[in-house]
Amino acid sequence: MSNSGPNYDAVFHAIGDPARRKILRALKEKGACSIDRETGLCASDIEERISLSQPTISHHMAILRKAGLVEATKLGQWVWYRRNETMLRKFAKALKKEI
């Protein structure tokens, strides 16, 4: 894939882990956020769905954020995560062209 644009090696690394793919699927749910957001989840919602410890979730979220697949917003004591649909579409399009 081209050298310009997103770091596709980071994306492949991020989606290579089954737990991170499960997180991305969970983030796709509508109306599941405990802080009344239509899309996305707060960290405790992810922890509940994925059944991993908070430090492990934080580790996975950092990798997904670094790859550009997830965006995070601090809302008071909560961190609200949502999928970066633009990046996911760009990646899918680039992958389709590449292979």
N, C-alpha and C. Protein backbone atom coordinates (compact mmCIF):
# COMPACT_ATOMS: atom_id res chain seq x y z
N MET A 1 0.85 -1.17 0.00
CA MET A 1 0.00 0.00 0.00
C MET A 1 0.89 1.23 0.00
N SER A 2 0.35 2.33 -0.42
CA SER A 2 1.19 3.51 -0.60
C SER A 2 1.72 4.01 0.74
N ASN A 3 2.83 4.74 0.67
CA ASN A 3 3.45 5.29 1.87
C ASN A 3 2.69 6.50 2.40
N SER A 4 1.87 7.13 1.58
CA SER A 4 1.12 8.28 2.05
C SER A 4 -0.18 7.81 2.69
N GLY A 5 -0.68 8.60 3.61
CA GLY A 5 -1.95 8.26 4.24
C GLY A 5 -1.75 7.44 5.50
N PRO A 6 -2.78 6.70 5.89
CA PRO A 6 -2.75 5.95 7.14
C PRO A 6 -1.65 4.90 7.19
N ASN A 7 -1.25 4.56 8.39
CA ASN A 7 -0.23 3.53 8.61
C ASN A 7 -0.92 2.17 8.58
N TYR A 8 -0.89 1.52 7.45
CA TYR A 8 -1.60 0.26 7.29
C TYR A 8 -0.99 -0.87 8.09
N ASP A 9 0.31 -0.82 8.36
CA ASP A 9 0.90 -1.83 9.23
C ASP A 9 0.28 -1.76 10.62
N ALA A 10 0.06 -0.54 11.12
CA ALA A 10 -0.59 -0.37 12.43
C ALA A 10 -2.02 -0.87 12.39
N VAL A 11 -2.71 -0.65 11.28
CA VAL A 11 -4.10 -1.14 11.16
C VAL A 11 -4.11 -2.66 11.16
N PHE A 12 -3.23 -3.28 10.38
CA PHE A 12 -3.18 -4.74 10.36
C PHE A 12 -2.85 -5.30 11.74
N HIS A 13 -1.92 -4.66 12.44
CA HIS A 13 -1.58 -5.09 13.80
C HIS A 13 -2.81 -4.97 14.70
N ALA A 14 -3.52 -3.86 14.58
CA ALA A 14 -4.69 -3.62 15.43
C ALA A 14 -5.79 -4.64 15.20
N ILE A 15 -6.09 -4.93 13.95
CA ILE A 15 -7.19 -5.85 13.66
C ILE A 15 -6.76 -7.31 13.71
N GLY A 16 -5.46 -7.54 13.90
CA GLY A 16 -4.96 -8.91 13.98
C GLY A 16 -5.32 -9.62 15.27
N ASP A 17 -5.73 -8.87 16.27
CA ASP A 17 -6.06 -9.46 17.57
C ASP A 17 -7.57 -9.67 17.68
N PRO A 18 -8.00 -10.88 18.04
CA PRO A 18 -9.44 -11.15 18.14
C PRO A 18 -10.17 -10.25 19.14
N ALA A 19 -9.53 -9.90 20.23
CA ALA A 19 -10.18 -9.02 21.22
C ALA A 19 -10.43 -7.64 20.63
N ARG A 20 -9.50 -7.14 19.85
CA ARG A 20 -9.68 -5.82 19.24
C ARG A 20 -10.76 -5.85 18.17
N ARG A 21 -10.86 -6.95 17.42
CA ARG A 21 -11.95 -7.07 16.46
C ARG A 21 -13.29 -7.11 17.19
N LYS A 22 -13.33 -7.79 18.32
CA LYS A 22 -14.55 -7.85 19.13
C LYS A 22 -14.92 -6.46 19.64
N ILE A 23 -13.93 -5.68 20.04
CA ILE A 23 -14.17 -4.30 20.49
C ILE A 23 -14.74 -3.47 19.34
N LEU A 24 -14.16 -3.59 18.16
CA LEU A 24 -14.66 -2.83 17.00
C LEU A 24 -16.11 -3.21 16.69
N ARG A 25 -16.44 -4.49 16.81
CA ARG A 25 -17.83 -4.91 16.58
C ARG A 25 -18.75 -4.32 17.65
N ALA A 26 -18.30 -4.34 18.91
CA ALA A 26 -19.11 -3.79 20.00
C ALA A 26 -19.34 -2.30 19.80
N LEU A 27 -18.34 -1.59 19.32
CA LEU A 27 -18.47 -0.15 19.09
C LEU A 27 -19.45 0.18 17.97
N LYS A 28 -19.80 -0.81 17.19
CA LYS A 28 -20.73 -0.61 16.09
C LYS A 28 -22.19 -0.61 16.55
N GLU A 29 -22.44 -1.14 17.75
CA GLU A 29 -23.80 -1.22 18.30
C GLU A 29 -24.39 0.18 18.46
N LYS A 30 -25.66 0.30 18.17
CA LYS A 30 -26.38 1.57 18.35
C LYS A 30 -27.11 1.54 19.69
N GLY A 31 -27.05 2.65 20.42
CA GLY A 31 -27.81 2.80 21.65
C GLY A 31 -27.34 1.95 22.82
N ALA A 32 -26.10 1.46 22.79
CA ALA A 32 -25.61 0.59 23.85
C ALA A 32 -24.76 1.31 24.89
N CYS A 33 -24.54 2.59 24.70
CA CYS A 33 -23.64 3.35 25.57
C CYS A 33 -24.34 3.74 26.88
N SER A 34 -23.68 3.53 27.99
CA SER A 34 -24.27 3.82 29.29
C SER A 34 -24.28 5.32 29.62
N ILE A 35 -23.65 6.14 28.79
CA ILE A 35 -23.67 7.60 29.04
C ILE A 35 -24.54 8.31 28.00
N ASP A 36 -25.52 7.58 27.50
CA ASP A 36 -26.56 8.12 26.61
C ASP A 36 -26.04 8.72 25.31
N ARG A 37 -25.06 8.10 24.73
CA ARG A 37 -24.60 8.46 23.39
C ARG A 37 -25.21 7.47 22.41
N GLU A 38 -25.60 7.95 21.24
CA GLU A 38 -26.24 7.05 20.27
C GLU A 38 -25.28 5.97 19.79
N THR A 39 -24.04 6.36 19.55
CA THR A 39 -23.04 5.41 19.08
C THR A 39 -21.86 5.40 20.03
N GLY A 40 -21.03 4.38 19.90
CA GLY A 40 -19.84 4.29 20.73
C GLY A 40 -20.15 3.75 22.11
N LEU A 41 -19.07 3.58 22.88
CA LEU A 41 -19.18 3.03 24.22
C LEU A 41 -18.16 3.72 25.12
N CYS A 42 -18.46 3.78 26.40
CA CYS A 42 -17.45 4.24 27.35
C CYS A 42 -16.61 3.03 27.75
N ALA A 43 -15.49 3.28 28.38
CA ALA A 43 -14.55 2.20 28.71
C ALA A 43 -15.20 1.11 29.55
N SER A 44 -16.05 1.48 30.51
CA SER A 44 -16.70 0.45 31.35
C SER A 44 -17.66 -0.41 30.53
N ASP A 45 -18.31 0.18 29.52
CA ASP A 45 -19.19 -0.61 28.64
C ASP A 45 -18.38 -1.65 27.88
N ILE A 46 -17.22 -1.24 27.39
CA ILE A 46 -16.35 -2.16 26.64
C ILE A 46 -15.88 -3.27 27.57
N GLU A 47 -15.45 -2.89 28.76
CA GLU A 47 -14.97 -3.88 29.74
C GLU A 47 -16.05 -4.92 30.02
N GLU A 48 -17.28 -4.48 30.16
CA GLU A 48 -18.41 -5.38 30.44
C GLU A 48 -18.67 -6.34 29.28
N ARG A 49 -18.60 -5.84 28.05
CA ARG A 49 -18.90 -6.66 26.87
C ARG A 49 -17.78 -7.63 26.52
N ILE A 50 -16.56 -7.20 26.72
CA ILE A 50 -15.42 -7.99 26.26
C ILE A 50 -14.89 -8.92 27.36
N SER A 51 -15.26 -8.66 28.62
CA SER A 51 -14.83 -9.49 29.76
C SER A 51 -13.32 -9.56 29.91
N LEU A 52 -12.69 -8.40 29.81
CA LEU A 52 -11.26 -8.27 30.08
C LEU A 52 -11.08 -7.20 31.14
N SER A 53 -9.93 -7.20 31.78
CA SER A 53 -9.67 -6.21 32.83
C SER A 53 -9.53 -4.81 32.24
N GLN A 54 -9.74 -3.81 33.09
CA GLN A 54 -9.63 -2.41 32.65
C GLN A 54 -8.25 -2.10 32.06
N PRO A 55 -7.14 -2.54 32.69
CA PRO A 55 -5.84 -2.27 32.08
C PRO A 55 -5.67 -2.92 30.70
N THR A 56 -6.22 -4.11 30.53
CA THR A 56 -6.13 -4.79 29.23
C THR A 56 -6.96 -4.05 28.19
N ILE A 57 -8.15 -3.60 28.57
CA ILE A 57 -8.98 -2.82 27.66
C ILE A 57 -8.24 -1.55 27.26
N SER A 58 -7.63 -0.87 28.23
CA SER A 58 -6.88 0.36 27.94
C SER A 58 -5.76 0.10 26.94
N HIS A 59 -5.08 -1.01 27.10
CA HIS A 59 -4.01 -1.39 26.18
C HIS A 59 -4.56 -1.57 24.76
N HIS A 60 -5.65 -2.32 24.64
CA HIS A 60 -6.24 -2.55 23.32
C HIS A 60 -6.75 -1.24 22.71
N MET A 61 -7.35 -0.39 23.52
CA MET A 61 -7.88 0.88 23.01
C MET A 61 -6.74 1.77 22.51
N ALA A 62 -5.61 1.75 23.20
CA ALA A 62 -4.46 2.56 22.76
C ALA A 62 -3.97 2.09 21.39
N ILE A 63 -3.96 0.80 21.16
CA ILE A 63 -3.53 0.27 19.86
C ILE A 63 -4.53 0.65 18.78
N LEU A 64 -5.82 0.53 19.07
CA LEU A 64 -6.85 0.91 18.10
C LEU A 64 -6.81 2.41 17.80
N ARG A 65 -6.56 3.22 18.81
CA ARG A 65 -6.46 4.68 18.61
C ARG A 65 -5.22 5.01 17.78
N LYS A 66 -4.09 4.40 18.09
CA LYS A 66 -2.85 4.66 17.36
C LYS A 66 -3.01 4.31 15.88
N ALA A 67 -3.76 3.26 15.60
CA ALA A 67 -4.01 2.85 14.22
C ALA A 67 -5.03 3.75 13.52
N GLY A 68 -5.69 4.59 14.30
CA GLY A 68 -6.68 5.50 13.73
C GLY A 68 -8.06 4.90 13.56
N LEU A 69 -8.28 3.70 14.10
CA LEU A 69 -9.56 3.01 13.93
C LEU A 69 -10.61 3.45 14.94
N VAL A 70 -10.16 4.06 16.04
CA VAL A 70 -11.05 4.46 17.12
C VAL A 70 -10.69 5.88 17.54
N GLU A 71 -11.72 6.65 17.85
CA GLU A 71 -11.53 8.00 18.39
C GLU A 71 -12.00 7.98 19.84
N ALA A 72 -11.36 8.79 20.68
CA ALA A 72 -11.71 8.85 22.09
C ALA A 72 -11.93 10.30 22.49
N THR A 73 -12.95 10.51 23.32
CA THR A 73 -13.26 11.84 23.85
C THR A 73 -13.45 11.72 25.35
N LYS A 74 -12.77 12.57 26.10
CA LYS A 74 -12.91 12.61 27.55
C LYS A 74 -14.15 13.42 27.88
N LEU A 75 -15.07 12.83 28.61
CA LEU A 75 -16.30 13.49 29.04
C LEU A 75 -16.39 13.37 30.56
N GLY A 76 -15.88 14.37 31.26
CA GLY A 76 -15.84 14.29 32.72
C GLY A 76 -14.97 13.14 33.15
N GLN A 77 -15.54 12.22 33.91
CA GLN A 77 -14.78 11.05 34.37
C GLN A 77 -14.78 9.91 33.36
N TRP A 78 -15.51 10.05 32.28
CA TRP A 78 -15.66 8.98 31.29
C TRP A 78 -14.78 9.23 30.08
N VAL A 79 -14.37 8.16 29.44
CA VAL A 79 -13.76 8.24 28.11
C VAL A 79 -14.73 7.52 27.19
N TRP A 80 -15.18 8.25 26.19
CA TRP A 80 -16.16 7.73 25.24
C TRP A 80 -15.43 7.38 23.95
N TYR A 81 -15.55 6.15 23.52
CA TYR A 81 -14.89 5.65 22.31
C TYR A 81 -15.90 5.41 21.21
N ARG A 82 -15.49 5.72 20.00
CA ARG A 82 -16.33 5.42 18.85
C ARG A 82 -15.43 5.03 17.68
N ARG A 83 -16.00 4.27 16.76
CA ARG A 83 -15.25 3.85 15.57
C ARG A 83 -14.99 5.04 14.68
N ASN A 84 -13.84 5.04 14.03
CA ASN A 84 -13.53 6.05 13.02
C ASN A 84 -13.95 5.45 11.68
N GLU A 85 -15.21 5.67 11.34
CA GLU A 85 -15.77 5.05 10.14
C GLU A 85 -15.06 5.51 8.87
N THR A 86 -14.61 6.75 8.85
CA THR A 86 -13.88 7.26 7.67
C THR A 86 -12.60 6.45 7.46
N MET A 87 -11.86 6.22 8.51
CA MET A 87 -10.62 5.45 8.42
C MET A 87 -10.91 4.01 8.04
N LEU A 88 -11.94 3.43 8.62
CA LEU A 88 -12.29 2.05 8.28
C LEU A 88 -12.65 1.92 6.81
N ARG A 89 -13.39 2.89 6.26
CA ARG A 89 -13.73 2.86 4.83
C ARG A 89 -12.48 3.02 3.96
N LYS A 90 -11.59 3.95 4.35
CA LYS A 90 -10.36 4.15 3.58
C LYS A 90 -9.51 2.89 3.58
N PHE A 91 -9.42 2.25 4.72
CA PHE A 91 -8.64 1.03 4.81
C PHE A 91 -9.24 -0.06 3.94
N ALA A 92 -10.55 -0.25 4.02
CA ALA A 92 -11.22 -1.28 3.21
C ALA A 92 -11.02 -1.01 1.71
N LYS A 93 -11.13 0.25 1.32
CA LYS A 93 -10.95 0.62 -0.09
C LYS A 93 -9.51 0.36 -0.54
N ALA A 94 -8.55 0.75 0.30
CA ALA A 94 -7.15 0.54 -0.05
C ALA A 94 -6.81 -0.94 -0.12
N LEU A 95 -7.35 -1.71 0.81
CA LEU A 95 -7.09 -3.14 0.83
C LEU A 95 -7.68 -3.79 -0.43
N LYS A 96 -8.86 -3.38 -0.81
CA LYS A 96 -9.49 -3.93 -2.02
C LYS A 96 -8.64 -3.64 -3.26
N LYS A 97 -8.10 -2.43 -3.33
CA LYS A 97 -7.24 -2.07 -4.47
C LYS A 97 -5.93 -2.83 -4.45
N GLU A 98 -5.40 -3.06 -3.24
CA GLU A 98 -4.09 -3.70 -3.10
C GLU A 98 -4.13 -5.18 -3.43
N ILE A 99 -5.20 -5.86 -3.02
CA ILE A 99 -5.23 -7.31 -3.26
C ILE A 99 -6.41 -7.61 -4.15
